[in-house]
Full PDB file with SEQRES, HELIX, SHEET, SSBOND, CRYST1, ORIGX, SCALE, CONECT and MASTER records, all heavy atoms in Angstrom:
SEQRES   1 A   40  VAL THR GLU VAL ARG PRO GLY ALA SER VAL THR LEU THR          
SEQRES   2 A   40  ARG ASN PRO ASP TYR TRP GLY ARG ASP LEU PRO VAL ALA          
SEQRES   3 A   40  ARG GLY LEU TRP ASN PHE ASP GLU VAL ARG LEU ASP PHE          
SEQRES   4 A   40  TYR                                                          
SHEET    1 AA1 3 GLU A   3  ARG A   5  0                                        
SHEET    2 AA1 3 SER A   9  THR A  13 -1                                        
SHEET    3 AA1 3 GLU A  34  ASP A  38 -1                                        
CRYST1    1.000    1.000    1.000  90.00  90.00  90.00 P 1           1          
ORIGX1      1.000000  0.000000  0.000000        0.00000                         
ORIGX2      0.000000  1.000000  0.000000        0.00000                         
ORIGX3      0.000000  0.000000  1.000000        0.00000                         
SCALE1      1.000000  0.000000  0.000000        0.00000                         
SCALE2      0.000000  1.000000  0.000000        0.00000                         
SCALE3      0.000000  0.000000  1.000000        0.00000                         
ATOM      1  N   VAL A   1       0.859  -1.187   0.000  1.00  0.00           N  
ATOM      2  CA  VAL A   1       0.000   0.000   0.000  1.00  0.00           C  
ATOM      3  C   VAL A   1       0.891   1.230   0.000  1.00  0.00           C  
ATOM      4  O   VAL A   1       1.734   1.401   0.891  1.00  0.00           O  
ATOM      5  CB  VAL A   1      -0.931   0.006   1.225  1.00  0.00           C  
ATOM      6  CG1 VAL A   1      -1.750   1.304   1.256  1.00  0.00           C  
ATOM      7  CG2 VAL A   1      -1.860  -1.203   1.196  1.00  0.00           C  
ATOM      8  N   THR A   2       0.702   2.089  -0.997  1.00  0.00           N  
ATOM      9  CA  THR A   2       1.563   3.265  -1.112  1.00  0.00           C  
ATOM     10  C   THR A   2       0.804   4.578  -0.968  1.00  0.00           C  
ATOM     11  O   THR A   2       1.424   5.628  -0.767  1.00  0.00           O  
ATOM     12  CB  THR A   2       2.296   3.263  -2.466  1.00  0.00           C  
ATOM     13  OG1 THR A   2       1.349   3.089  -3.522  1.00  0.00           O  
ATOM     14  CG2 THR A   2       3.315   2.136  -2.502  1.00  0.00           C  
ATOM     15  N   GLU A   3      -0.529   4.544  -1.094  1.00  0.00           N  
ATOM     16  CA  GLU A   3      -1.294   5.782  -0.925  1.00  0.00           C  
ATOM     17  C   GLU A   3      -2.704   5.440  -0.484  1.00  0.00           C  
ATOM     18  O   GLU A   3      -3.310   4.494  -0.988  1.00  0.00           O  
ATOM     19  CB  GLU A   3      -1.344   6.581  -2.228  1.00  0.00           C  
ATOM     20  CG  GLU A   3      -2.072   7.923  -2.090  1.00  0.00           C  
ATOM     21  CD  GLU A   3      -2.149   8.690  -3.399  1.00  0.00           C  
ATOM     22  OE1 GLU A   3      -1.631   8.197  -4.410  1.00  0.00           O  
ATOM     23  OE2 GLU A   3      -2.757   9.783  -3.405  1.00  0.00           O  
ATOM     24  N   VAL A   4      -3.224   6.213   0.475  1.00  0.00           N  
ATOM     25  CA  VAL A   4      -4.582   6.016   0.967  1.00  0.00           C  
ATOM     26  C   VAL A   4      -5.289   7.363   1.023  1.00  0.00           C  
ATOM     27  O   VAL A   4      -4.779   8.308   1.627  1.00  0.00           O  
ATOM     28  CB  VAL A   4      -4.587   5.373   2.370  1.00  0.00           C  
ATOM     29  CG1 VAL A   4      -6.024   5.209   2.871  1.00  0.00           C  
ATOM     30  CG2 VAL A   4      -3.874   4.031   2.360  1.00  0.00           C  
ATOM     31  N   ARG A   5      -6.439   7.434   0.375  1.00  0.00           N  
ATOM     32  CA  ARG A   5      -7.334   8.580   0.527  1.00  0.00           C  
ATOM     33  C   ARG A   5      -8.569   8.042   1.230  1.00  0.00           C  
ATOM     34  O   ARG A   5      -9.384   7.362   0.601  1.00  0.00           O  
ATOM     35  CB  ARG A   5      -7.685   9.183  -0.836  1.00  0.00           C  
ATOM     36  CG  ARG A   5      -6.490   9.808  -1.556  1.00  0.00           C  
ATOM     37  CD  ARG A   5      -6.854  10.222  -2.963  1.00  0.00           C  
ATOM     38  NE  ARG A   5      -7.990  11.133  -2.974  1.00  0.00           N  
ATOM     39  CZ  ARG A   5      -8.906  11.160  -3.932  1.00  0.00           C  
ATOM     40  NH1 ARG A   5      -8.849  10.310  -4.941  1.00  0.00           N  
ATOM     41  NH2 ARG A   5      -9.908  12.018  -3.873  1.00  0.00           N  
ATOM     42  N   PRO A   6      -8.689   8.275   2.537  1.00  0.00           N  
ATOM     43  CA  PRO A   6      -9.740   7.621   3.330  1.00  0.00           C  
ATOM     44  C   PRO A   6     -11.121   7.723   2.692  1.00  0.00           C  
ATOM     45  O   PRO A   6     -11.584   8.800   2.336  1.00  0.00           O  
ATOM     46  CB  PRO A   6      -9.672   8.367   4.664  1.00  0.00           C  
ATOM     47  CG  PRO A   6      -8.247   8.792   4.775  1.00  0.00           C  
ATOM     48  CD  PRO A   6      -7.844   9.162   3.370  1.00  0.00           C  
ATOM     49  N   GLY A   7     -11.750   6.564   2.548  1.00  0.00           N  
ATOM     50  CA  GLY A   7     -13.088   6.494   1.993  1.00  0.00           C  
ATOM     51  C   GLY A   7     -13.163   6.638   0.498  1.00  0.00           C  
ATOM     52  O   GLY A   7     -14.225   6.428  -0.091  1.00  0.00           O  
ATOM     53  N   ALA A   8     -12.051   6.999  -0.150  1.00  0.00           N  
ATOM     54  CA  ALA A   8     -12.089   7.312  -1.580  1.00  0.00           C  
ATOM     55  C   ALA A   8     -11.252   6.364  -2.435  1.00  0.00           C  
ATOM     56  O   ALA A   8     -11.731   5.851  -3.446  1.00  0.00           O  
ATOM     57  CB  ALA A   8     -11.626   8.749  -1.820  1.00  0.00           C  
ATOM     58  N   SER A   9      -9.992   6.131  -2.061  1.00  0.00           N  
ATOM     59  CA  SER A   9      -9.146   5.289  -2.907  1.00  0.00           C  
ATOM     60  C   SER A   9      -7.964   4.738  -2.123  1.00  0.00           C  
ATOM     61  O   SER A   9      -7.543   5.311  -1.114  1.00  0.00           O  
ATOM     62  CB  SER A   9      -8.636   6.059  -4.134  1.00  0.00           C  
ATOM     63  OG  SER A   9      -7.671   7.014  -3.745  1.00  0.00           O  
ATOM     64  N   VAL A  10      -7.451   3.637  -2.632  1.00  0.00           N  
ATOM     65  CA  VAL A  10      -6.231   3.020  -2.107  1.00  0.00           C  
ATOM     66  C   VAL A  10      -5.375   2.644  -3.308  1.00  0.00           C  
ATOM     67  O   VAL A  10      -5.873   2.078  -4.291  1.00  0.00           O  
ATOM     68  CB  VAL A  10      -6.535   1.759  -1.267  1.00  0.00           C  
ATOM     69  CG1 VAL A  10      -5.244   1.071  -0.832  1.00  0.00           C  
ATOM     70  CG2 VAL A  10      -7.378   2.107  -0.052  1.00  0.00           C  
ATOM     71  N   THR A  11      -4.096   2.957  -3.239  1.00  0.00           N  
ATOM     72  CA  THR A  11      -3.174   2.614  -4.313  1.00  0.00           C  
ATOM     73  C   THR A  11      -2.206   1.546  -3.828  1.00  0.00           C  
ATOM     74  O   THR A  11      -1.577   1.691  -2.771  1.00  0.00           O  
ATOM     75  CB  THR A  11      -2.383   3.839  -4.793  1.00  0.00           C  
ATOM     76  OG1 THR A  11      -3.311   4.828  -5.282  1.00  0.00           O  
ATOM     77  CG2 THR A  11      -1.425   3.466  -5.902  1.00  0.00           C  
ATOM     78  N   LEU A  12      -2.112   0.464  -4.600  1.00  0.00           N  
ATOM     79  CA  LEU A  12      -1.175  -0.622  -4.329  1.00  0.00           C  
ATOM     80  C   LEU A  12      -0.097  -0.599  -5.399  1.00  0.00           C  
ATOM     81  O   LEU A  12      -0.397  -0.488  -6.593  1.00  0.00           O  
ATOM     82  CB  LEU A  12      -1.890  -1.975  -4.362  1.00  0.00           C  
ATOM     83  CG  LEU A  12      -3.187  -2.113  -3.556  1.00  0.00           C  
ATOM     84  CD1 LEU A  12      -3.819  -3.480  -3.810  1.00  0.00           C  
ATOM     85  CD2 LEU A  12      -2.922  -1.926  -2.074  1.00  0.00           C  
ATOM     86  N   THR A  13       1.142  -0.697  -4.989  1.00  0.00           N  
ATOM     87  CA  THR A  13       2.263  -0.669  -5.920  1.00  0.00           C  
ATOM     88  C   THR A  13       2.998  -2.006  -5.874  1.00  0.00           C  
ATOM     89  O   THR A  13       3.288  -2.519  -4.784  1.00  0.00           O  
ATOM     90  CB  THR A  13       3.233   0.472  -5.587  1.00  0.00           C  
ATOM     91  OG1 THR A  13       2.518   1.721  -5.643  1.00  0.00           O  
ATOM     92  CG2 THR A  13       4.392   0.513  -6.570  1.00  0.00           C  
ATOM     93  N   ARG A  14       3.272  -2.548  -7.043  1.00  0.00           N  
ATOM     94  CA  ARG A  14       3.927  -3.855  -7.109  1.00  0.00           C  
ATOM     95  C   ARG A  14       5.331  -3.771  -6.528  1.00  0.00           C  
ATOM     96  O   ARG A  14       6.097  -2.854  -6.833  1.00  0.00           O  
ATOM     97  CB  ARG A  14       3.974  -4.352  -8.562  1.00  0.00           C  
ATOM     98  CG  ARG A  14       4.443  -5.795  -8.701  1.00  0.00           C  
ATOM     99  CD  ARG A  14       3.972  -6.396 -10.029  1.00  0.00           C  
ATOM    100  NE  ARG A  14       4.460  -5.643 -11.164  1.00  0.00           N  
ATOM    101  CZ  ARG A  14       5.629  -5.863 -11.766  1.00  0.00           C  
ATOM    102  NH1 ARG A  14       6.429  -6.802 -11.318  1.00  0.00           N  
ATOM    103  NH2 ARG A  14       5.990  -5.144 -12.804  1.00  0.00           N  
ATOM    104  N   ASN A  15       5.651  -4.727  -5.685  1.00  0.00           N  
ATOM    105  CA  ASN A  15       6.967  -4.788  -5.050  1.00  0.00           C  
ATOM    106  C   ASN A  15       7.955  -5.413  -6.041  1.00  0.00           C  
ATOM    107  O   ASN A  15       7.838  -6.596  -6.367  1.00  0.00           O  
ATOM    108  CB  ASN A  15       6.879  -5.635  -3.776  1.00  0.00           C  
ATOM    109  CG  ASN A  15       8.207  -5.750  -3.048  1.00  0.00           C  
ATOM    110  OD1 ASN A  15       9.198  -5.143  -3.457  1.00  0.00           O  
ATOM    111  ND2 ASN A  15       8.236  -6.532  -1.989  1.00  0.00           N  
ATOM    112  N   PRO A  16       8.922  -4.653  -6.532  1.00  0.00           N  
ATOM    113  CA  PRO A  16       9.863  -5.212  -7.518  1.00  0.00           C  
ATOM    114  C   PRO A  16      10.718  -6.329  -6.934  1.00  0.00           C  
ATOM    115  O   PRO A  16      11.295  -7.135  -7.682  1.00  0.00           O  
ATOM    116  CB  PRO A  16      10.713  -4.001  -7.917  1.00  0.00           C  
ATOM    117  CG  PRO A  16      10.604  -3.060  -6.770  1.00  0.00           C  
ATOM    118  CD  PRO A  16       9.232  -3.252  -6.203  1.00  0.00           C  
ATOM    119  N   ASP A  17      10.799  -6.385  -5.610  1.00  0.00           N  
ATOM    120  CA  ASP A  17      11.584  -7.425  -4.952  1.00  0.00           C  
ATOM    121  C   ASP A  17      10.703  -8.535  -4.382  1.00  0.00           C  
ATOM    122  O   ASP A  17      11.137  -9.265  -3.480  1.00  0.00           O  
ATOM    123  CB  ASP A  17      12.416  -6.806  -3.820  1.00  0.00           C  
ATOM    124  CG  ASP A  17      13.380  -5.748  -4.324  1.00  0.00           C  
ATOM    125  OD1 ASP A  17      13.990  -5.971  -5.391  1.00  0.00           O  
ATOM    126  OD2 ASP A  17      13.511  -4.689  -3.669  1.00  0.00           O  
ATOM    127  N   TYR A  18       9.473  -8.637  -4.888  1.00  0.00           N  
ATOM    128  CA  TYR A  18       8.566  -9.671  -4.385  1.00  0.00           C  
ATOM    129  C   TYR A  18       9.240 -11.034  -4.451  1.00  0.00           C  
ATOM    130  O   TYR A  18       9.654 -11.496  -5.504  1.00  0.00           O  
ATOM    131  CB  TYR A  18       7.275  -9.668  -5.201  1.00  0.00           C  
ATOM    132  CG  TYR A  18       6.348 -10.818  -4.903  1.00  0.00           C  
ATOM    133  CD1 TYR A  18       6.016 -11.165  -3.589  1.00  0.00           C  
ATOM    134  CD2 TYR A  18       5.807 -11.575  -5.941  1.00  0.00           C  
ATOM    135  CE1 TYR A  18       5.167 -12.221  -3.328  1.00  0.00           C  
ATOM    136  CE2 TYR A  18       4.932 -12.625  -5.681  1.00  0.00           C  
ATOM    137  CZ  TYR A  18       4.632 -12.957  -4.373  1.00  0.00           C  
ATOM    138  OH  TYR A  18       3.786 -14.009  -4.113  1.00  0.00           O  
ATOM    139  N   TRP A  19       9.304 -11.675  -3.314  1.00  0.00           N  
ATOM    140  CA  TRP A  19      10.067 -12.911  -3.192  1.00  0.00           C  
ATOM    141  C   TRP A  19       9.494 -14.059  -4.022  1.00  0.00           C  
ATOM    142  O   TRP A  19      10.229 -14.933  -4.481  1.00  0.00           O  
ATOM    143  CB  TRP A  19      10.108 -13.342  -1.717  1.00  0.00           C  
ATOM    144  CG  TRP A  19       8.785 -13.907  -1.261  1.00  0.00           C  
ATOM    145  CD1 TRP A  19       7.710 -13.228  -0.794  1.00  0.00           C  
ATOM    146  CD2 TRP A  19       8.408 -15.286  -1.319  1.00  0.00           C  
ATOM    147  NE1 TRP A  19       6.678 -14.075  -0.539  1.00  0.00           N  
ATOM    148  CE2 TRP A  19       7.073 -15.349  -0.849  1.00  0.00           C  
ATOM    149  CE3 TRP A  19       9.039 -16.468  -1.713  1.00  0.00           C  
ATOM    150  CZ2 TRP A  19       6.373 -16.554  -0.765  1.00  0.00           C  
ATOM    151  CZ3 TRP A  19       8.352 -17.662  -1.623  1.00  0.00           C  
ATOM    152  CH2 TRP A  19       7.031 -17.701  -1.150  1.00  0.00           C  
ATOM    153  N   GLY A  20       8.157 -14.069  -4.239  1.00  0.00           N  
ATOM    154  CA  GLY A  20       7.514 -15.232  -4.848  1.00  0.00           C  
ATOM    155  C   GLY A  20       7.207 -15.101  -6.320  1.00  0.00           C  
ATOM    156  O   GLY A  20       6.450 -15.913  -6.862  1.00  0.00           O  
ATOM    157  N   ARG A  21       7.790 -14.116  -6.998  1.00  0.00           N  
ATOM    158  CA  ARG A  21       7.374 -13.839  -8.375  1.00  0.00           C  
ATOM    159  C   ARG A  21       7.634 -15.001  -9.335  1.00  0.00           C  
ATOM    160  O   ARG A  21       6.969 -15.113 -10.372  1.00  0.00           O  
ATOM    161  CB  ARG A  21       8.067 -12.579  -8.887  1.00  0.00           C  
ATOM    162  CG  ARG A  21       9.587 -12.639  -8.920  1.00  0.00           C  
ATOM    163  CD  ARG A  21      10.176 -11.303  -9.370  1.00  0.00           C  
ATOM    164  NE  ARG A  21      11.635 -11.313  -9.351  1.00  0.00           N  
ATOM    165  CZ  ARG A  21      12.364 -10.988  -8.289  1.00  0.00           C  
ATOM    166  NH1 ARG A  21      11.744 -10.612  -7.171  1.00  0.00           N  
ATOM    167  NH2 ARG A  21      13.676 -11.018  -8.328  1.00  0.00           N  
ATOM    168  N   ASP A  22       8.578 -15.898  -9.007  1.00  0.00           N  
ATOM    169  CA  ASP A  22       8.891 -17.009  -9.914  1.00  0.00           C  
ATOM    170  C   ASP A  22       8.273 -18.327  -9.477  1.00  0.00           C  
ATOM    171  O   ASP A  22       8.545 -19.375 -10.088  1.00  0.00           O  
ATOM    172  CB  ASP A  22      10.418 -17.169 -10.030  1.00  0.00           C  
ATOM    173  CG  ASP A  22      11.071 -15.958 -10.685  1.00  0.00           C  
ATOM    174  OD1 ASP A  22      10.471 -15.418 -11.629  1.00  0.00           O  
ATOM    175  OD2 ASP A  22      12.167 -15.557 -10.256  1.00  0.00           O  
ATOM    176  N   LEU A  23       7.450 -18.309  -8.447  1.00  0.00           N  
ATOM    177  CA  LEU A  23       6.789 -19.540  -8.019  1.00  0.00           C  
ATOM    178  C   LEU A  23       5.766 -19.977  -9.069  1.00  0.00           C  
ATOM    179  O   LEU A  23       5.149 -19.131  -9.734  1.00  0.00           O  
ATOM    180  CB  LEU A  23       6.081 -19.327  -6.685  1.00  0.00           C  
ATOM    181  CG  LEU A  23       6.952 -19.088  -5.447  1.00  0.00           C  
ATOM    182  CD1 LEU A  23       6.045 -18.811  -4.245  1.00  0.00           C  
ATOM    183  CD2 LEU A  23       7.852 -20.284  -5.170  1.00  0.00           C  
ATOM    184  N   PRO A  24       5.520 -21.270  -9.215  1.00  0.00           N  
ATOM    185  CA  PRO A  24       4.502 -21.727 -10.184  1.00  0.00           C  
ATOM    186  C   PRO A  24       3.118 -21.128  -9.921  1.00  0.00           C  
ATOM    187  O   PRO A  24       2.382 -20.862 -10.872  1.00  0.00           O  
ATOM    188  CB  PRO A  24       4.501 -23.247  -9.992  1.00  0.00           C  
ATOM    189  CG  PRO A  24       5.861 -23.577  -9.470  1.00  0.00           C  
ATOM    190  CD  PRO A  24       6.252 -22.404  -8.620  1.00  0.00           C  
ATOM    191  N   VAL A  25       2.753 -20.902  -8.648  1.00  0.00           N  
ATOM    192  CA  VAL A  25       1.423 -20.355  -8.350  1.00  0.00           C  
ATOM    193  C   VAL A  25       1.348 -18.860  -8.596  1.00  0.00           C  
ATOM    194  O   VAL A  25       0.259 -18.274  -8.530  1.00  0.00           O  
ATOM    195  CB  VAL A  25       1.011 -20.653  -6.890  1.00  0.00           C  
ATOM    196  CG1 VAL A  25       0.801 -22.136  -6.669  1.00  0.00           C  
ATOM    197  CG2 VAL A  25       2.019 -20.075  -5.891  1.00  0.00           C  
ATOM    198  N   ALA A  26       2.482 -18.211  -8.877  1.00  0.00           N  
ATOM    199  CA  ALA A  26       2.491 -16.760  -9.102  1.00  0.00           C  
ATOM    200  C   ALA A  26       2.872 -16.380 -10.524  1.00  0.00           C  
ATOM    201  O   ALA A  26       2.624 -15.247 -10.934  1.00  0.00           O  
ATOM    202  CB  ALA A  26       3.456 -16.088  -8.119  1.00  0.00           C  
ATOM    203  N   ARG A  27       3.428 -17.302 -11.265  1.00  0.00           N  
ATOM    204  CA  ARG A  27       3.878 -16.986 -12.618  1.00  0.00           C  
ATOM    205  C   ARG A  27       2.678 -16.612 -13.487  1.00  0.00           C  
ATOM    206  O   ARG A  27       1.697 -17.349 -13.559  1.00  0.00           O  
ATOM    207  CB  ARG A  27       4.627 -18.180 -13.208  1.00  0.00           C  
ATOM    208  CG  ARG A  27       5.369 -17.869 -14.496  1.00  0.00           C  
ATOM    209  CD  ARG A  27       6.274 -19.022 -14.917  1.00  0.00           C  
ATOM    210  NE  ARG A  27       7.394 -19.177 -13.972  1.00  0.00           N  
ATOM    211  CZ  ARG A  27       7.643 -20.287 -13.291  1.00  0.00           C  
ATOM    212  NH1 ARG A  27       6.858 -21.334 -13.414  1.00  0.00           N  
ATOM    213  NH2 ARG A  27       8.680 -20.348 -12.487  1.00  0.00           N  
ATOM    214  N   GLY A  28       2.738 -15.456 -14.131  1.00  0.00           N  
ATOM    215  CA  GLY A  28       1.641 -14.981 -14.960  1.00  0.00           C  
ATOM    216  C   GLY A  28       0.595 -14.182 -14.212  1.00  0.00           C  
ATOM    217  O   GLY A  28      -0.359 -13.688 -14.811  1.00  0.00           O  
ATOM    218  N   LEU A  29       0.762 -14.040 -12.886  1.00  0.00           N  
ATOM    219  CA  LEU A  29      -0.164 -13.246 -12.078  1.00  0.00           C  
ATOM    220  C   LEU A  29       0.521 -11.948 -11.648  1.00  0.00           C  
ATOM    221  O   LEU A  29       1.726 -11.776 -11.807  1.00  0.00           O  
ATOM    222  CB  LEU A  29      -0.606 -14.022 -10.835  1.00  0.00           C  
ATOM    223  CG  LEU A  29      -1.776 -15.001 -10.989  1.00  0.00           C  
ATOM    224  CD1 LEU A  29      -1.351 -16.217 -11.811  1.00  0.00           C  
ATOM    225  CD2 LEU A  29      -2.283 -15.447  -9.633  1.00  0.00           C  
ATOM    226  N   TRP A  30      -0.305 -11.019 -11.076  1.00  0.00           N  
ATOM    227  CA  TRP A  30       0.208  -9.788 -10.473  1.00  0.00           C  
ATOM    228  C   TRP A  30       1.051  -9.005 -11.484  1.00  0.00           C  
ATOM    229  O   TRP A  30       2.212  -8.696 -11.247  1.00  0.00           O  
ATOM    230  CB  TRP A  30       1.043 -10.099  -9.228  1.00  0.00           C  
ATOM    231  CG  TRP A  30       0.494 -11.210  -8.383  1.00  0.00           C  
ATOM    232  CD1 TRP A  30       1.094 -12.398  -8.104  1.00  0.00           C  
ATOM    233  CD2 TRP A  30      -0.762 -11.212  -7.684  1.00  0.00           C  
ATOM    234  NE1 TRP A  30       0.295 -13.165  -7.288  1.00  0.00           N  
ATOM    235  CE2 TRP A  30      -0.851 -12.466  -7.015  1.00  0.00           C  
ATOM    236  CE3 TRP A  30      -1.822 -10.316  -7.572  1.00  0.00           C  
ATOM    237  CZ2 TRP A  30      -1.957 -12.818  -6.247  1.00  0.00           C  
ATOM    238  CZ3 TRP A  30      -2.923 -10.676  -6.805  1.00  0.00           C  
ATOM    239  CH2 TRP A  30      -2.977 -11.903  -6.149  1.00  0.00           C  
ATOM    240  N   ASN A  31       0.441  -8.698 -12.636  1.00  0.00           N  
ATOM    241  CA  ASN A  31       1.198  -8.146 -13.756  1.00  0.00           C  
ATOM    242  C   ASN A  31       1.244  -6.625 -13.801  1.00  0.00           C  
ATOM    243  O   ASN A  31       2.066  -6.066 -14.531  1.00  0.00           O  
ATOM    244  CB  ASN A  31       0.594  -8.671 -15.065  1.00  0.00           C  
ATOM    245  CG  ASN A  31       0.637 -10.186 -15.138  1.00  0.00           C  
ATOM    246  OD1 ASN A  31       1.672 -10.804 -14.886  1.00  0.00           O  
ATOM    247  ND2 ASN A  31      -0.489 -10.804 -15.459  1.00  0.00           N  
ATOM    248  N   PHE A  32       0.378  -5.941 -13.066  1.00  0.00           N  
ATOM    249  CA  PHE A  32       0.327  -4.480 -13.135  1.00  0.00           C  
ATOM    250  C   PHE A  32       1.311  -3.858 -12.146  1.00  0.00           C  
ATOM    251  O   PHE A  32       1.434  -4.308 -11.007  1.00  0.00           O  
ATOM    252  CB  PHE A  32      -1.089  -3.989 -12.839  1.00  0.00           C  
ATOM    253  CG  PHE A  32      -2.099  -4.439 -13.852  1.00  0.00           C  
ATOM    254  CD1 PHE A  32      -2.826  -5.610 -13.664  1.00  0.00           C  
ATOM    255  CD2 PHE A  32      -2.309  -3.711 -15.017  1.00  0.00           C  
ATOM    256  CE1 PHE A  32      -3.745  -6.037 -14.592  1.00  0.00           C  
ATOM    257  CE2 PHE A  32      -3.235  -4.130 -15.962  1.00  0.00           C  
ATOM    258  CZ  PHE A  32      -3.951  -5.298 -15.752  1.00  0.00           C  
ATOM    259  N   ASP A  33       1.978  -2.813 -12.595  1.00  0.00           N  
ATOM    260  CA  ASP A  33       2.873  -2.095 -11.683  1.00  0.00           C  
ATOM    261  C   ASP A  33       2.091  -1.424 -10.563  1.00  0.00           C  
ATOM    262  O   ASP A  33       2.602  -1.268  -9.452  1.00  0.00           O  
ATOM    263  CB  ASP A  33       3.675  -1.032 -12.445  1.00  0.00           C  
ATOM    264  CG  ASP A  33       4.781  -1.638 -13.294  1.00  0.00           C  
ATOM    265  OD1 ASP A  33       5.120  -2.817 -13.080  1.00  0.00           O  
ATOM    266  OD2 ASP A  33       5.294  -0.932 -14.189  1.00  0.00           O  
ATOM    267  N   GLU A  34       0.864  -1.040 -10.875  1.00  0.00           N  
ATOM    268  CA  GLU A  34       0.051  -0.341  -9.884  1.00  0.00           C  
ATOM    269  C   GLU A  34      -1.389  -0.830  -9.984  1.00  0.00           C  
ATOM    270  O   GLU A  34      -1.915  -1.032 -11.081  1.00  0.00           O  
ATOM    271  CB  GLU A  34       0.118   1.169 -10.132  1.00  0.00           C  
ATOM    272  CG  GLU A  34      -0.557   2.019  -9.082  1.00  0.00           C  
ATOM    273  CD  GLU A  34      -0.351   3.503  -9.336  1.00  0.00           C  
ATOM    274  OE1 GLU A  34       0.752   4.007  -9.034  1.00  0.00           O  
ATOM    275  OE2 GLU A  34      -1.278   4.152  -9.871  1.00  0.00           O  
ATOM    276  N   VAL A  35      -2.012  -1.019  -8.841  1.00  0.00           N  
ATOM    277  CA  VAL A  35      -3.430  -1.348  -8.752  1.00  0.00           C  
ATOM    278  C   VAL A  35      -4.083  -0.280  -7.895  1.00  0.00           C  
ATOM    279  O   VAL A  35      -3.676  -0.070  -6.745  1.00  0.00           O  
ATOM    280  CB  VAL A  35      -3.660  -2.742  -8.145  1.00  0.00           C  
ATOM    281  CG1 VAL A  35      -5.153  -2.989  -7.930  1.00  0.00           C  
ATOM    282  CG2 VAL A  35      -3.072  -3.822  -9.044  1.00  0.00           C  
ATOM    283  N   ARG A  36      -5.075   0.377  -8.462  1.00  0.00           N  
ATOM    284  CA  ARG A  36      -5.750   1.439  -7.725  1.00  0.00           C  
ATOM    285  C   ARG A  36      -7.202   1.046  -7.481  1.00  0.00           C  
ATOM    286  O   ARG A  36      -7.890   0.591  -8.401  1.00  0.00           O  
ATOM    287  CB  ARG A  36      -5.691   2.749  -8.501  1.00  0.00           C  
ATOM    288  CG  ARG A  36      -6.427   3.894  -7.813  1.00  0.00           C  
ATOM    289  CD  ARG A  36      -6.076   5.217  -8.422  1.00  0.00           C  
ATOM    290  NE  ARG A  36      -7.117   6.206  -8.180  1.00  0.00           N  
ATOM    291  CZ  ARG A  36      -6.931   7.513  -8.301  1.00  0.00           C  
ATOM    292  NH1 ARG A  36      -5.763   7.974  -8.645  1.00  0.00           N  
ATOM    293  NH2 ARG A  36      -7.921   8.336  -8.088  1.00  0.00           N  
ATOM    294  N   LEU A  37      -7.648   1.208  -6.256  1.00  0.00           N  
ATOM    295  CA  LEU A  37      -9.005   0.877  -5.853  1.00  0.00           C  
ATOM    296  C   LEU A  37      -9.759   2.169  -5.609  1.00  0.00           C  
ATOM    297  O   LEU A  37      -9.501   2.870  -4.626  1.00  0.00           O  
ATOM    298  CB  LEU A  37      -8.986   0.023  -4.581  1.00  0.00           C  
ATOM    299  CG  LEU A  37      -8.007  -1.161  -4.572  1.00  0.00           C  
ATOM    300  CD1 LEU A  37      -7.919  -1.762  -3.180  1.00  0.00           C  
ATOM    301  CD2 LEU A  37      -8.408  -2.202  -5.585  1.00  0.00           C  
ATOM    302  N   ASP A  38     -10.657   2.507  -6.526  1.00  0.00           N  
ATOM    303  CA  ASP A  38     -11.452   3.733  -6.395  1.00  0.00           C  
ATOM    304  C   ASP A  38     -12.853   3.360  -5.912  1.00  0.00           C  
ATOM    305  O   ASP A  38     -13.482   2.439  -6.447  1.00  0.00           O  
ATOM    306  CB  ASP A  38     -11.550   4.464  -7.734  1.00  0.00           C  
ATOM    307  CG  ASP A  38     -10.269   5.195  -8.089  1.00  0.00           C  
ATOM    308  OD1 ASP A  38      -9.433   5.394  -7.187  1.00  0.00           O  
ATOM    309  OD2 ASP A  38     -10.096   5.554  -9.270  1.00  0.00           O  
ATOM    310  N   PHE A  39     -13.363   4.111  -4.940  1.00  0.00           N  
ATOM    311  CA  PHE A  39     -14.655   3.815  -4.332  1.00  0.00           C  
ATOM    312  C   PHE A  39     -15.683   4.859  -4.753  1.00  0.00           C  
ATOM    313  O   PHE A  39     -15.397   6.056  -4.788  1.00  0.00           O  
ATOM    314  CB  PHE A  39     -14.529   3.781  -2.806  1.00  0.00           C  
ATOM    315  CG  PHE A  39     -13.776   2.574  -2.307  1.00  0.00           C  
ATOM    316  CD1 PHE A  39     -12.393   2.522  -2.355  1.00  0.00           C  
ATOM    317  CD2 PHE A  39     -14.454   1.477  -1.803  1.00  0.00           C  
ATOM    318  CE1 PHE A  39     -11.696   1.407  -1.908  1.00  0.00           C  
ATOM    319  CE2 PHE A  39     -13.776   0.351  -1.356  1.00  0.00           C  
ATOM    320  CZ  PHE A  39     -12.392   0.325  -1.407  1.00  0.00           C  
ATOM    321  N   TYR A  40     -16.892   4.366  -5.060  1.00  0.00           N  
ATOM    322  CA  TYR A  40     -17.990   5.217  -5.483  1.00  0.00           C  
ATOM    323  C   TYR A  40     -19.180   4.984  -4.563  1.00  0.00           C  
ATOM    324  O   TYR A  40     -19.509   3.846  -4.232  1.00  0.00           O  
ATOM    325  CB  TYR A  40     -18.382   4.917  -6.938  1.00  0.00           C  
ATOM    326  CG  TYR A  40     -17.293   5.257  -7.926  1.00  0.00           C  
ATOM    327  CD1 TYR A  40     -16.274   4.350  -8.214  1.00  0.00           C  
ATOM    328  CD2 TYR A  40     -17.258   6.503  -8.548  1.00  0.00           C  
ATOM    329  CE1 TYR A  40     -15.261   4.659  -9.110  1.00  0.00           C  
ATOM    330  CE2 TYR A  40     -16.248   6.824  -9.443  1.00  0.00           C  
ATOM    331  CZ  TYR A  40     -15.247   5.899  -9.716  1.00  0.00           C  
ATOM    332  OH  TYR A  40     -14.244   6.223 -10.595  1.00  0.00           O  
TER     333      TYR A  40                                                      
MASTER        0    0    0    0    3    0    0    6  332    1    0    4          
END                                                                             
């Protein structure tokens, strides 16, 4: 979590050092550098 606007949005940033990126259960997943959750 890199940014929080209470009640409005949360920004998640991909960890470039994510330990599990080469695991079979993670390969091909979690592809976006950033995931933003906007609330309406």
